Protein backbone atom coordinates (compact mmCIF):
# COMPACT_ATOMS: atom_id res chain seq x y z
CA MET A 1 100.41 103.74 103.67
CA LYS A 2 100.64 107.43 102.77
CA HIS A 3 99.82 108.35 99.21
CA ASP A 4 103.11 110.22 98.72
CA ASP A 5 105.02 107.10 99.75
CA LEU A 6 103.15 105.11 97.09
CA ARG A 7 104.02 107.80 94.54
CA ALA A 8 107.69 107.44 95.49
CA ILE A 9 107.51 103.66 95.02
CA ALA A 10 105.82 104.16 91.64
CA HIS A 11 108.52 106.63 90.56
CA ASN A 12 111.28 104.18 91.52
CA ILE A 13 109.67 101.37 89.55
CA ALA A 14 109.07 103.48 86.44
CA ASP A 15 112.54 105.01 86.65
CA SER A 16 114.02 101.53 86.90
CA LEU A 17 112.34 100.50 83.65
CA ALA A 18 113.22 103.80 81.98
CA SER A 19 116.91 103.46 82.82
CA GLY A 20 117.26 100.28 80.76
CA TYR A 21 119.45 98.92 83.56
CA SER A 22 116.91 97.32 85.83
CA ALA A 23 118.39 95.28 88.61
CA LEU A 24 114.81 95.07 89.89
CA SER A 25 113.56 93.01 86.94
CA GLY A 26 116.82 91.23 86.16
CA TYR A 27 116.68 92.31 82.50
CA TYR A 28 119.01 94.81 80.89
CA GLY A 29 118.99 96.80 77.69
CA ALA A 30 115.27 97.51 77.42
CA ASP A 31 114.73 100.85 75.65
CA VAL A 32 111.24 101.95 76.64
CA PHE A 33 111.77 105.49 75.34
CA GLY A 34 113.12 104.28 72.00
CA GLU A 35 110.17 101.95 71.54
CA ALA A 36 107.76 104.69 72.61
CA ALA A 37 109.18 106.98 69.94
CA THR A 38 108.64 104.37 67.22
CA SER A 39 105.19 103.33 68.45
CA PRO A 40 102.28 104.60 66.29
CA GLN A 41 100.98 106.64 69.25
CA SER A 42 104.49 108.02 70.02
CA TYR A 43 104.15 106.80 73.59
CA LEU A 44 103.82 103.60 75.62
CA THR A 45 101.59 103.23 78.65
CA VAL A 46 102.62 100.49 81.06
CA ASP A 47 100.30 98.99 83.68
CA PHE A 48 102.73 97.63 86.27
CA LEU A 49 100.00 95.84 88.27
CA ALA A 50 98.96 93.83 85.21
CA GLY A 51 102.50 93.64 83.83
CA LYS A 52 101.62 94.73 80.31
CA VAL A 53 101.60 97.58 77.83
CA THR A 54 98.08 99.01 77.62
CA GLU A 55 98.71 101.70 74.98
CA GLY A 56 101.27 101.59 72.21
CA THR A 57 103.23 98.75 70.66
CA ALA A 58 106.14 97.10 72.45
CA SER A 59 108.64 94.52 71.28
CA GLU A 60 108.51 90.99 72.61
CA TYR A 61 111.60 91.65 74.73
CA LEU A 62 110.17 94.79 76.34
CA SER A 63 106.87 93.00 76.94
CA THR A 64 108.78 90.24 78.76
CA VAL A 65 110.63 92.81 80.88
CA ILE A 66 107.36 94.55 81.80
CA ALA A 67 105.69 91.23 82.69
CA ARG A 68 108.60 90.56 85.06
CA TYR A 69 107.78 93.75 86.98
CA ARG A 70 104.39 92.27 87.89
CA ASP A 71 106.23 89.36 89.52
CA VAL A 72 108.75 91.43 91.51
CA LEU A 73 106.38 94.24 92.50
CA PRO A 74 104.97 92.60 95.67
CA ASP A 75 108.45 92.05 97.13
CA PHE A 76 109.57 95.55 96.13
CA CYS A 77 106.52 97.04 97.86
CA THR A 78 107.20 95.01 101.01
CA ARG A 79 110.82 96.17 101.11
CA ASN A 80 109.56 99.75 100.93
CA GLY A 81 106.96 99.41 103.69
CA ALA A 82 103.90 98.97 101.49
CA ALA A 83 101.69 96.16 100.27
CA LEU A 84 100.66 95.52 96.69
CA SER A 85 97.06 95.88 97.85
CA ASP A 86 97.81 99.55 98.69
CA PHE A 87 97.67 100.21 94.92
CA ARG A 88 94.51 100.20 92.81
CA GLN A 89 96.34 101.66 89.83
CA LEU A 90 100.01 102.03 88.95
CA THR A 91 100.67 103.16 85.39
CA ALA A 92 103.38 105.08 83.60
CA ARG A 93 103.27 106.70 80.17
CA PHE A 94 106.68 106.98 78.50
CA SER A 95 107.42 109.27 75.57
CA ASP A 96 110.50 110.67 73.89
CA GLY A 97 109.75 113.71 71.79
CA ARG A 98 110.81 117.29 71.26
CA ARG A 99 110.73 117.91 75.03
CA GLY A 100 113.00 114.93 75.63
CA LYS A 101 112.34 111.85 77.73
CA HIS A 102 109.08 112.20 79.61
CA MET A 103 107.18 110.01 82.10
CA ILE A 104 103.67 110.56 83.42
CA ILE A 105 102.99 108.33 86.41
CA THR A 106 99.47 107.73 87.71
CA VAL A 107 98.87 106.19 91.12
CA GLU A 108 95.56 105.36 92.76
CA ASP A 109 95.67 104.09 96.32
CA SER A 110 93.34 101.62 98.02
CA ARG A 111 91.22 104.50 99.39
CA GLY A 112 90.58 105.90 95.91
CA ARG A 113 92.95 108.88 96.02
CA GLN A 114 94.53 109.37 92.62
CA SER A 115 97.47 111.48 91.50
CA THR A 116 99.33 112.06 88.26
CA THR A 117 102.92 113.27 88.33
CA GLU A 118 105.11 114.28 85.40
CA TYR A 119 108.85 113.65 85.23
CA VAL A 120 111.42 114.67 82.61
CA GLY A 121 114.91 113.49 81.77
CA MET A 122 116.95 110.56 82.98
CA PRO A 123 116.71 109.91 85.82
CA GLY A 124 113.16 111.24 85.98
CA ARG A 125 112.92 114.59 87.77
CA ARG A 126 109.86 116.66 88.61
CA ILE A 127 109.23 119.62 86.31
CA LYS A 128 110.37 122.98 87.71
CA VAL A 129 108.65 126.34 87.23
CA ILE A 130 109.31 129.89 88.37
CA ASP A 131 106.72 131.32 90.77
CA SER A 132 105.46 134.90 90.89
CA LEU A 133 108.39 135.92 93.12
CA GLY A 134 111.00 134.49 90.75
CA ARG A 135 111.74 131.38 92.84
CA VAL A 136 112.22 127.96 91.29
CA ARG A 137 109.54 125.55 92.52
CA THR A 138 108.38 122.05 91.68
CA ARG A 139 105.31 122.26 89.47
CA ALA A 140 102.13 121.27 91.26
CA ASN A 141 100.43 118.08 90.12
């Protein structure tokens, strides 16, 4: 599986959790950005492969929602042409601060290639910058 395809799968999963309306997990009303803002670290890091919050403090409800992602992830990967074993790492850091809602998604594939991609807003969009010729471009990872 191509690394960019795995990044797309990771974005869809993280965006699903971030939206609070996750048909994927079957739970609704989870506010990952709200809980990130009130966490002592001001962010939450979610390990989707383990199904738990690795940094920050989450409510019992959000922890249950995140654990559910671990259970549905294999089927979601299969439906998108991948296997769970294609991922070595799949984490997302959620924060809601002065720059607004922000996700940093890290993916490592089974061959060891790792990438980190930043998204802003809802739904998560790549950050745009202006290049030296005045054109709007997606910021490089």
